[in-house]
Amino acid sequence: MSFKELTTGLSKEMATFAKNQPEVMTNFSKLAQSASKDGELDAKTKELIALGIAIAIRCDACIGFHVQALIKLGITRAEFEEVLSTAVYMGGGPSLMYSMKAQQAFDELSA
């Protein structure tokens, strides 16, 4: 699986959906922006949490989009691997497997 292809393809699908359901997508975007902005936690910390949740719920697309956001926010490989370690701790074997998918996304999307 290519995370570049997955996120690009889904972005196109979401754009089409937004044309047909503008209120839903506008409100989802507002929710995402509101939840992601700096507050008591900075945006990077919030994205780290989102990635952990994406791994736990086994959402490939979520992993791709949150890894992209973390790369833009300047995450280091060491920080990234600590998030994966915490996800594995909390989710056991399935989270280990999805952590490896997140690692694949990081390698592909940061190249």
Protein backbone atom coordinates (compact mmCIF):
# COMPACT_ATOMS: atom_id res chain seq x y z
CA MET A 1 0.00 0.00 0.00
CA SER A 2 1.19 3.48 -0.82
CA PHE A 3 0.23 6.11 1.74
CA LYS A 4 0.84 8.85 -0.83
CA GLU A 5 -1.67 7.24 -3.17
CA LEU A 6 -4.11 6.54 -0.34
CA THR A 7 -4.11 10.10 1.03
CA THR A 8 -4.13 11.69 -2.43
CA GLY A 9 -7.00 9.50 -3.58
CA LEU A 10 -9.03 10.07 -0.46
CA SER A 11 -8.41 13.82 -0.62
CA LYS A 12 -9.96 13.80 -4.11
CA GLU A 13 -12.90 11.73 -2.85
CA MET A 14 -13.40 14.10 0.07
CA ALA A 15 -13.38 17.07 -2.31
CA THR A 16 -16.16 15.44 -4.33
CA PHE A 17 -18.07 14.64 -1.15
CA ALA A 18 -17.64 18.26 -0.03
CA LYS A 19 -19.28 19.47 -3.23
CA ASN A 20 -22.27 17.24 -2.58
CA GLN A 21 -22.36 17.65 1.21
CA PRO A 22 -20.82 21.07 1.88
CA GLU A 23 -22.39 21.57 5.30
CA VAL A 24 -21.04 18.27 6.63
CA MET A 25 -17.52 18.87 5.33
CA THR A 26 -17.47 22.52 6.39
CA ASN A 27 -18.47 21.55 9.90
CA PHE A 28 -16.02 18.64 9.99
CA SER A 29 -13.24 21.01 8.90
CA LYS A 30 -14.22 23.50 11.60
CA LEU A 31 -14.18 20.71 14.18
CA ALA A 32 -10.74 19.54 13.02
CA GLN A 33 -9.33 23.09 13.06
CA SER A 34 -10.80 23.82 16.47
CA ALA A 35 -9.53 20.58 18.01
CA SER A 36 -6.09 20.91 16.41
CA LYS A 37 -5.16 24.49 17.21
CA ASP A 38 -2.71 25.33 19.95
CA GLY A 39 -4.23 25.56 23.40
CA GLU A 40 -3.04 23.99 26.62
CA LEU A 41 -1.60 21.34 24.29
CA ASP A 42 0.21 22.40 21.15
CA ALA A 43 -0.83 21.19 17.71
CA LYS A 44 2.04 18.69 17.52
CA THR A 45 1.01 17.03 20.79
CA LYS A 46 -2.56 16.82 19.56
CA GLU A 47 -1.41 15.20 16.31
CA LEU A 48 0.66 12.70 18.31
CA ILE A 49 -2.49 11.76 20.22
CA ALA A 50 -4.45 11.50 16.98
CA LEU A 51 -1.84 9.16 15.50
CA GLY A 52 -2.01 6.93 18.58
CA ILE A 53 -5.78 6.75 18.21
CA ALA A 54 -5.49 6.08 14.47
CA ILE A 55 -3.20 3.13 15.20
CA ALA A 56 -5.49 1.82 17.94
CA ILE A 57 -8.59 1.92 15.74
CA ARG A 58 -6.63 0.58 12.75
CA CYS A 59 -7.47 3.36 10.29
CA ASP A 60 -4.96 3.35 7.42
CA ALA A 61 -6.14 6.66 6.01
CA CYS A 62 -6.09 8.30 9.45
CA ILE A 63 -2.51 7.10 9.90
CA GLY A 64 -1.53 8.61 6.56
CA PHE A 65 -3.14 11.99 7.18
CA HIS A 66 -1.85 12.33 10.76
CA VAL A 67 1.67 11.26 9.78
CA GLN A 68 1.60 13.92 7.04
CA ALA A 69 0.51 16.52 9.59
CA LEU A 70 3.25 15.47 12.02
CA ILE A 71 5.91 15.68 9.31
CA LYS A 72 4.74 19.22 8.51
CA LEU A 73 4.96 20.04 12.23
CA GLY A 74 8.58 18.87 12.32
CA ILE A 75 8.35 15.56 14.18
CA THR A 76 11.65 13.75 14.54
CA ARG A 77 12.08 10.05 13.91
CA ALA A 78 12.83 9.55 17.62
CA GLU A 79 9.61 11.33 18.69
CA PHE A 80 7.68 9.34 16.11
CA GLU A 81 9.03 6.02 17.37
CA GLU A 82 8.12 6.91 20.98
CA VAL A 83 4.51 7.39 19.88
CA LEU A 84 4.60 3.98 18.20
CA SER A 85 6.05 2.44 21.36
CA THR A 86 3.24 3.91 23.45
CA ALA A 87 0.63 2.69 20.95
CA VAL A 88 2.10 -0.82 21.09
CA TYR A 89 2.09 -0.74 24.89
CA MET A 90 -1.57 0.26 24.98
CA GLY A 91 -2.79 -1.95 22.13
CA GLY A 92 -0.57 -5.03 22.13
CA GLY A 93 0.01 -7.06 18.97
CA PRO A 94 -2.57 -5.37 16.72
CA SER A 95 -1.11 -1.97 17.59
CA LEU A 96 2.37 -3.29 16.81
CA MET A 97 1.20 -4.28 13.33
CA TYR A 98 -0.45 -0.91 12.74
CA SER A 99 2.57 0.88 14.18
CA MET A 100 4.56 -0.75 11.40
CA LYS A 101 2.03 0.66 8.91
CA ALA A 102 2.52 4.09 10.51
CA GLN A 103 6.29 3.62 10.19
CA GLN A 104 5.83 2.75 6.52
CA ALA A 105 3.78 5.93 6.11
CA PHE A 106 6.47 8.01 7.86
CA ASP A 107 9.22 6.58 5.65
CA GLU A 108 7.24 7.10 2.46
CA LEU A 109 5.80 10.50 3.22
CA SER A 110 8.99 12.02 4.64
CA ALA A 111 11.19 10.86 1.75
